[in-house]
Amino acid sequence: MSFEKIKISFKYLKRVWIFTLPILKNKFILTSIFFIVWVIFFDNNNLIDRISNLKVLNQLQKDQEYYKEKIYTDTKRLEELRTDKENLEKFAREQYLMKKKNEDIFIMVDGN
C-alpha cells in the first residue's frame, strides 16, 4: 500500500472514532450493547441455540404428523385384514408370495 492510501484509511478511522466515541461513553448505550451481545451469544438460552432448537422442533413436528398418518393408515389396514378373510388372503399372496398347493406363481416385472 502506498502512503496516500494509508493516510486516507487513517482519516476514515479517525472520523469513525470521533463519531463512535461519544456513543460509547454513554453508559446506557454501552450497557445495552453488552446486554444484547450477552443474550445473543453467551446466555444459557442464547438466540443462536434457540433458533437451532426451533428448527429441530419444526422437523420433529413434521415427523410426528407423518407418523400419526402412518399409524392411522396401518391401523385401518390391520383392521381390514382382521375382519375380512379375502383381504387377508390377498395380502398374504401379494406381500409374501403365498400360494395354494396346486397353484403356480408367475411374477411379472414391469420394465419401467
N, C-alpha and C. Protein backbone atom coordinates (compact mmCIF):
# COMPACT_ATOMS: atom_id res chain seq x y z
N MET A 1 0.84 -1.19 0.00
CA MET A 1 0.00 0.00 0.00
C MET A 1 0.88 1.24 0.00
N SER A 2 0.39 2.20 -0.67
CA SER A 2 1.15 3.44 -0.70
C SER A 2 0.81 4.28 0.53
N PHE A 3 1.64 5.26 0.73
CA PHE A 3 1.49 6.14 1.89
C PHE A 3 0.17 6.91 1.83
N GLU A 4 -0.27 7.30 0.63
CA GLU A 4 -1.52 8.05 0.47
C GLU A 4 -2.73 7.20 0.88
N LYS A 5 -2.73 5.93 0.50
CA LYS A 5 -3.84 5.05 0.87
C LYS A 5 -3.90 4.84 2.38
N ILE A 6 -2.76 4.69 3.00
CA ILE A 6 -2.72 4.54 4.46
C ILE A 6 -3.21 5.81 5.13
N LYS A 7 -2.82 6.97 4.60
CA LYS A 7 -3.22 8.25 5.15
C LYS A 7 -4.74 8.41 5.04
N ILE A 8 -5.32 7.99 3.90
CA ILE A 8 -6.76 8.08 3.71
C ILE A 8 -7.48 7.14 4.68
N SER A 9 -6.97 5.93 4.85
CA SER A 9 -7.62 4.99 5.76
C SER A 9 -7.55 5.47 7.20
N PHE A 10 -6.45 6.12 7.59
CA PHE A 10 -6.37 6.67 8.95
C PHE A 10 -7.34 7.82 9.13
N LYS A 11 -7.55 8.61 8.11
CA LYS A 11 -8.53 9.70 8.19
C LYS A 11 -9.94 9.12 8.37
N TYR A 12 -10.21 8.07 7.63
CA TYR A 12 -11.52 7.42 7.75
C TYR A 12 -11.71 6.84 9.15
N LEU A 13 -10.70 6.16 9.68
CA LEU A 13 -10.77 5.61 11.02
C LEU A 13 -10.93 6.71 12.08
N LYS A 14 -10.28 7.82 11.86
CA LYS A 14 -10.39 8.94 12.79
C LYS A 14 -11.82 9.48 12.81
N ARG A 15 -12.44 9.60 11.64
CA ARG A 15 -13.84 10.06 11.58
C ARG A 15 -14.78 9.08 12.28
N VAL A 16 -14.56 7.80 12.05
CA VAL A 16 -15.40 6.79 12.70
C VAL A 16 -15.21 6.85 14.21
N TRP A 17 -13.99 6.99 14.66
CA TRP A 17 -13.72 7.06 16.09
C TRP A 17 -14.34 8.29 16.72
N ILE A 18 -14.26 9.42 16.05
CA ILE A 18 -14.86 10.65 16.56
C ILE A 18 -16.37 10.51 16.66
N PHE A 19 -16.96 9.79 15.74
CA PHE A 19 -18.41 9.58 15.76
C PHE A 19 -18.83 8.59 16.85
N THR A 20 -18.07 7.54 17.03
CA THR A 20 -18.47 6.48 17.97
C THR A 20 -18.04 6.72 19.41
N LEU A 21 -17.05 7.53 19.64
CA LEU A 21 -16.57 7.76 21.00
C LEU A 21 -17.65 8.33 21.92
N PRO A 22 -18.41 9.34 21.53
CA PRO A 22 -19.46 9.81 22.44
C PRO A 22 -20.55 8.76 22.70
N ILE A 23 -20.82 7.96 21.73
CA ILE A 23 -21.83 6.91 21.92
C ILE A 23 -21.33 5.89 22.94
N LEU A 24 -20.07 5.51 22.84
CA LEU A 24 -19.52 4.53 23.76
C LEU A 24 -19.32 5.08 25.16
N LYS A 25 -19.24 6.36 25.30
CA LYS A 25 -19.11 6.96 26.64
C LYS A 25 -20.45 6.97 27.38
N ASN A 26 -21.53 6.86 26.66
CA ASN A 26 -22.84 6.82 27.29
C ASN A 26 -23.03 5.44 27.93
N LYS A 27 -23.21 5.42 29.25
CA LYS A 27 -23.27 4.16 29.97
C LYS A 27 -24.53 3.35 29.65
N PHE A 28 -25.60 4.00 29.29
CA PHE A 28 -26.83 3.29 28.95
C PHE A 28 -26.69 2.55 27.63
N ILE A 29 -26.11 3.21 26.67
CA ILE A 29 -25.89 2.56 25.37
C ILE A 29 -24.88 1.44 25.50
N LEU A 30 -23.83 1.67 26.26
CA LEU A 30 -22.82 0.64 26.47
C LEU A 30 -23.41 -0.57 27.18
N THR A 31 -24.25 -0.33 28.18
CA THR A 31 -24.91 -1.42 28.89
C THR A 31 -25.86 -2.17 27.95
N SER A 32 -26.58 -1.44 27.13
CA SER A 32 -27.49 -2.08 26.17
C SER A 32 -26.74 -2.95 25.18
N ILE A 33 -25.64 -2.46 24.68
CA ILE A 33 -24.83 -3.24 23.74
C ILE A 33 -24.30 -4.50 24.42
N PHE A 34 -23.83 -4.35 25.64
CA PHE A 34 -23.34 -5.50 26.39
C PHE A 34 -24.47 -6.53 26.59
N PHE A 35 -25.65 -6.06 26.95
CA PHE A 35 -26.78 -6.95 27.17
C PHE A 35 -27.17 -7.70 25.90
N ILE A 36 -27.22 -7.00 24.79
CA ILE A 36 -27.58 -7.62 23.51
C ILE A 36 -26.55 -8.68 23.12
N VAL A 37 -25.28 -8.36 23.25
CA VAL A 37 -24.24 -9.34 22.93
C VAL A 37 -24.33 -10.54 23.86
N TRP A 38 -24.58 -10.30 25.13
CA TRP A 38 -24.71 -11.39 26.09
C TRP A 38 -25.87 -12.32 25.74
N VAL A 39 -27.02 -11.73 25.42
CA VAL A 39 -28.20 -12.53 25.11
C VAL A 39 -28.01 -13.32 23.81
N ILE A 40 -27.37 -12.72 22.84
CA ILE A 40 -27.21 -13.40 21.54
C ILE A 40 -26.18 -14.54 21.62
N PHE A 41 -25.09 -14.35 22.36
CA PHE A 41 -24.00 -15.32 22.29
C PHE A 41 -23.74 -16.13 23.56
N PHE A 42 -23.85 -15.54 24.75
CA PHE A 42 -23.31 -16.19 25.94
C PHE A 42 -24.33 -16.75 26.92
N ASP A 43 -25.55 -16.36 26.84
CA ASP A 43 -26.56 -16.80 27.79
C ASP A 43 -26.87 -18.29 27.60
N ASN A 44 -27.38 -18.94 28.65
CA ASN A 44 -27.76 -20.36 28.53
C ASN A 44 -28.87 -20.55 27.50
N ASN A 45 -29.74 -19.59 27.38
CA ASN A 45 -30.82 -19.63 26.39
C ASN A 45 -30.54 -18.64 25.26
N ASN A 46 -29.33 -18.70 24.73
CA ASN A 46 -28.94 -17.70 23.74
C ASN A 46 -29.74 -17.84 22.45
N LEU A 47 -29.70 -16.80 21.68
CA LEU A 47 -30.51 -16.70 20.48
C LEU A 47 -30.11 -17.72 19.41
N ILE A 48 -28.84 -17.97 19.30
CA ILE A 48 -28.36 -18.90 18.27
C ILE A 48 -28.85 -20.32 18.57
N ASP A 49 -28.72 -20.75 19.83
CA ASP A 49 -29.23 -22.08 20.19
C ASP A 49 -30.74 -22.15 20.08
N ARG A 50 -31.41 -21.07 20.40
CA ARG A 50 -32.87 -21.06 20.33
C ARG A 50 -33.35 -21.24 18.88
N ILE A 51 -32.71 -20.56 17.95
CA ILE A 51 -33.07 -20.71 16.54
C ILE A 51 -32.81 -22.15 16.07
N SER A 52 -31.68 -22.70 16.48
CA SER A 52 -31.37 -24.08 16.13
C SER A 52 -32.40 -25.04 16.71
N ASN A 53 -32.79 -24.82 17.96
CA ASN A 53 -33.80 -25.68 18.59
C ASN A 53 -35.16 -25.54 17.93
N LEU A 54 -35.50 -24.35 17.47
CA LEU A 54 -36.77 -24.17 16.77
C LEU A 54 -36.80 -24.94 15.45
N LYS A 55 -35.67 -24.97 14.76
CA LYS A 55 -35.60 -25.75 13.52
C LYS A 55 -35.79 -27.24 13.80
N VAL A 56 -35.14 -27.71 14.86
CA VAL A 56 -35.28 -29.12 15.23
C VAL A 56 -36.73 -29.41 15.64
N LEU A 57 -37.34 -28.50 16.39
CA LEU A 57 -38.72 -28.67 16.82
C LEU A 57 -39.67 -28.75 15.62
N ASN A 58 -39.48 -27.88 14.64
CA ASN A 58 -40.32 -27.91 13.44
C ASN A 58 -40.17 -29.25 12.69
N GLN A 59 -38.94 -29.74 12.60
CA GLN A 59 -38.72 -31.01 11.92
C GLN A 59 -39.39 -32.15 12.70
N LEU A 60 -39.29 -32.12 14.02
CA LEU A 60 -39.91 -33.16 14.84
C LEU A 60 -41.44 -33.11 14.74
N GLN A 61 -42.00 -31.92 14.63
CA GLN A 61 -43.45 -31.82 14.47
C GLN A 61 -43.89 -32.38 13.13
N LYS A 62 -43.11 -32.13 12.08
CA LYS A 62 -43.42 -32.71 10.77
C LYS A 62 -43.35 -34.24 10.83
N ASP A 63 -42.30 -34.74 11.50
CA ASP A 63 -42.18 -36.19 11.66
C ASP A 63 -43.35 -36.76 12.44
N GLN A 64 -43.78 -36.05 13.47
CA GLN A 64 -44.91 -36.50 14.28
C GLN A 64 -46.17 -36.61 13.44
N GLU A 65 -46.44 -35.62 12.61
CA GLU A 65 -47.61 -35.67 11.73
C GLU A 65 -47.52 -36.84 10.75
N TYR A 66 -46.33 -37.06 10.21
CA TYR A 66 -46.13 -38.17 9.27
C TYR A 66 -46.43 -39.51 9.96
N TYR A 67 -45.89 -39.68 11.15
CA TYR A 67 -46.08 -40.96 11.85
C TYR A 67 -47.51 -41.14 12.33
N LYS A 68 -48.18 -40.05 12.69
CA LYS A 68 -49.60 -40.17 13.05
C LYS A 68 -50.41 -40.65 11.85
N GLU A 69 -50.14 -40.09 10.69
CA GLU A 69 -50.84 -40.50 9.47
C GLU A 69 -50.51 -41.96 9.14
N LYS A 70 -49.24 -42.34 9.29
CA LYS A 70 -48.82 -43.72 9.03
C LYS A 70 -49.50 -44.68 9.99
N ILE A 71 -49.58 -44.32 11.26
CA ILE A 71 -50.26 -45.17 12.25
C ILE A 71 -51.73 -45.33 11.90
N TYR A 72 -52.35 -44.22 11.48
CA TYR A 72 -53.76 -44.28 11.11
C TYR A 72 -53.99 -45.23 9.93
N THR A 73 -53.19 -45.11 8.89
CA THR A 73 -53.38 -45.96 7.71
C THR A 73 -53.06 -47.42 8.03
N ASP A 74 -52.02 -47.66 8.82
CA ASP A 74 -51.68 -49.04 9.18
C ASP A 74 -52.75 -49.66 10.07
N THR A 75 -53.30 -48.88 10.99
CA THR A 75 -54.37 -49.39 11.85
C THR A 75 -55.60 -49.74 11.02
N LYS A 76 -55.91 -48.89 10.06
CA LYS A 76 -57.06 -49.15 9.19
C LYS A 76 -56.83 -50.41 8.36
N ARG A 77 -55.64 -50.57 7.84
CA ARG A 77 -55.32 -51.75 7.04
C ARG A 77 -55.33 -53.02 7.89
N LEU A 78 -54.79 -52.93 9.10
CA LEU A 78 -54.79 -54.07 10.01
C LEU A 78 -56.21 -54.50 10.38
N GLU A 79 -57.07 -53.52 10.59
CA GLU A 79 -58.46 -53.83 10.91
C GLU A 79 -59.14 -54.53 9.73
N GLU A 80 -58.83 -54.08 8.51
CA GLU A 80 -59.38 -54.75 7.33
C GLU A 80 -58.89 -56.19 7.22
N LEU A 81 -57.62 -56.41 7.54
CA LEU A 81 -57.08 -57.76 7.46
C LEU A 81 -57.67 -58.67 8.54
N ARG A 82 -57.96 -58.13 9.69
CA ARG A 82 -58.51 -58.94 10.77
C ARG A 82 -59.97 -59.30 10.54
N THR A 83 -60.70 -58.47 9.83
CA THR A 83 -62.14 -58.69 9.68
C THR A 83 -62.52 -59.44 8.41
N ASP A 84 -61.74 -59.36 7.37
CA ASP A 84 -62.13 -59.95 6.09
C ASP A 84 -61.12 -61.01 5.66
N LYS A 85 -61.58 -62.23 5.49
CA LYS A 85 -60.70 -63.33 5.09
C LYS A 85 -60.14 -63.13 3.68
N GLU A 86 -60.94 -62.58 2.79
CA GLU A 86 -60.48 -62.38 1.41
C GLU A 86 -59.33 -61.36 1.36
N ASN A 87 -59.45 -60.30 2.14
CA ASN A 87 -58.36 -59.32 2.18
C ASN A 87 -57.10 -59.91 2.78
N LEU A 88 -57.25 -60.76 3.79
CA LEU A 88 -56.09 -61.41 4.40
C LEU A 88 -55.40 -62.32 3.39
N GLU A 89 -56.18 -63.07 2.64
CA GLU A 89 -55.61 -63.97 1.63
C GLU A 89 -54.91 -63.15 0.53
N LYS A 90 -55.55 -62.09 0.09
CA LYS A 90 -54.96 -61.23 -0.94
C LYS A 90 -53.65 -60.62 -0.45
N PHE A 91 -53.64 -60.15 0.78
CA PHE A 91 -52.43 -59.57 1.36
C PHE A 91 -51.31 -60.60 1.43
N ALA A 92 -51.62 -61.80 1.90
CA ALA A 92 -50.61 -62.85 2.02
C ALA A 92 -50.06 -63.24 0.66
N ARG A 93 -50.92 -63.31 -0.33
CA ARG A 93 -50.47 -63.67 -1.68
C ARG A 93 -49.58 -62.57 -2.27
N GLU A 94 -49.96 -61.30 -2.10
CA GLU A 94 -49.20 -60.21 -2.71
C GLU A 94 -47.89 -59.93 -1.97
N GLN A 95 -47.94 -59.90 -0.66
CA GLN A 95 -46.77 -59.50 0.10
C GLN A 95 -45.77 -60.63 0.33
N TYR A 96 -46.26 -61.83 0.59
CA TYR A 96 -45.38 -62.93 0.96
C TYR A 96 -45.34 -64.04 -0.09
N LEU A 97 -45.97 -63.80 -1.23
CA LEU A 97 -45.98 -64.74 -2.36
C LEU A 97 -46.46 -66.13 -1.93
N MET A 98 -47.43 -66.17 -1.06
CA MET A 98 -48.01 -67.44 -0.62
C MET A 98 -48.95 -67.97 -1.71
N LYS A 99 -49.10 -69.28 -1.72
CA LYS A 99 -49.94 -69.89 -2.74
C LYS A 99 -50.64 -71.11 -2.16
N LYS A 100 -51.63 -71.56 -2.91
CA LYS A 100 -52.31 -72.80 -2.54
C LYS A 100 -51.48 -73.97 -3.07
N LYS A 101 -51.81 -75.20 -2.67
CA LYS A 101 -51.00 -76.37 -3.02
C LYS A 101 -50.87 -76.60 -4.52
N ASN A 102 -51.93 -76.43 -5.25
CA ASN A 102 -51.89 -76.75 -6.68
C ASN A 102 -51.80 -75.51 -7.56
N GLU A 103 -51.13 -74.48 -7.11
CA GLU A 103 -51.01 -73.24 -7.90
C GLU A 103 -49.55 -72.97 -8.25
N ASP A 104 -49.38 -72.26 -9.34
CA ASP A 104 -48.07 -71.75 -9.71
C ASP A 104 -48.14 -70.23 -9.67
N ILE A 105 -47.04 -69.60 -9.25
CA ILE A 105 -47.00 -68.13 -9.16
C ILE A 105 -46.04 -67.63 -10.23
N PHE A 106 -46.52 -66.69 -11.01
CA PHE A 106 -45.70 -66.03 -12.01
C PHE A 106 -45.55 -64.57 -11.60
N ILE A 107 -44.32 -64.14 -11.43
CA ILE A 107 -44.07 -62.75 -11.04
C ILE A 107 -43.77 -61.95 -12.29
N MET A 108 -44.59 -60.92 -12.50
CA MET A 108 -44.44 -60.06 -13.67
C MET A 108 -43.69 -58.79 -13.22
N VAL A 109 -42.56 -58.54 -13.84
CA VAL A 109 -41.77 -57.36 -13.50
C VAL A 109 -41.97 -56.32 -14.59
N ASP A 110 -42.36 -55.15 -14.18
CA ASP A 110 -42.59 -54.05 -15.13
C ASP A 110 -41.24 -53.49 -15.56
N GLY A 111 -41.07 -53.27 -16.85
CA GLY A 111 -39.78 -52.80 -17.39
C GLY A 111 -39.50 -51.32 -17.16
N ASN A 112 -40.44 -50.54 -16.65
CA ASN A 112 -40.23 -49.10 -16.47
C ASN A 112 -39.44 -48.81 -15.27
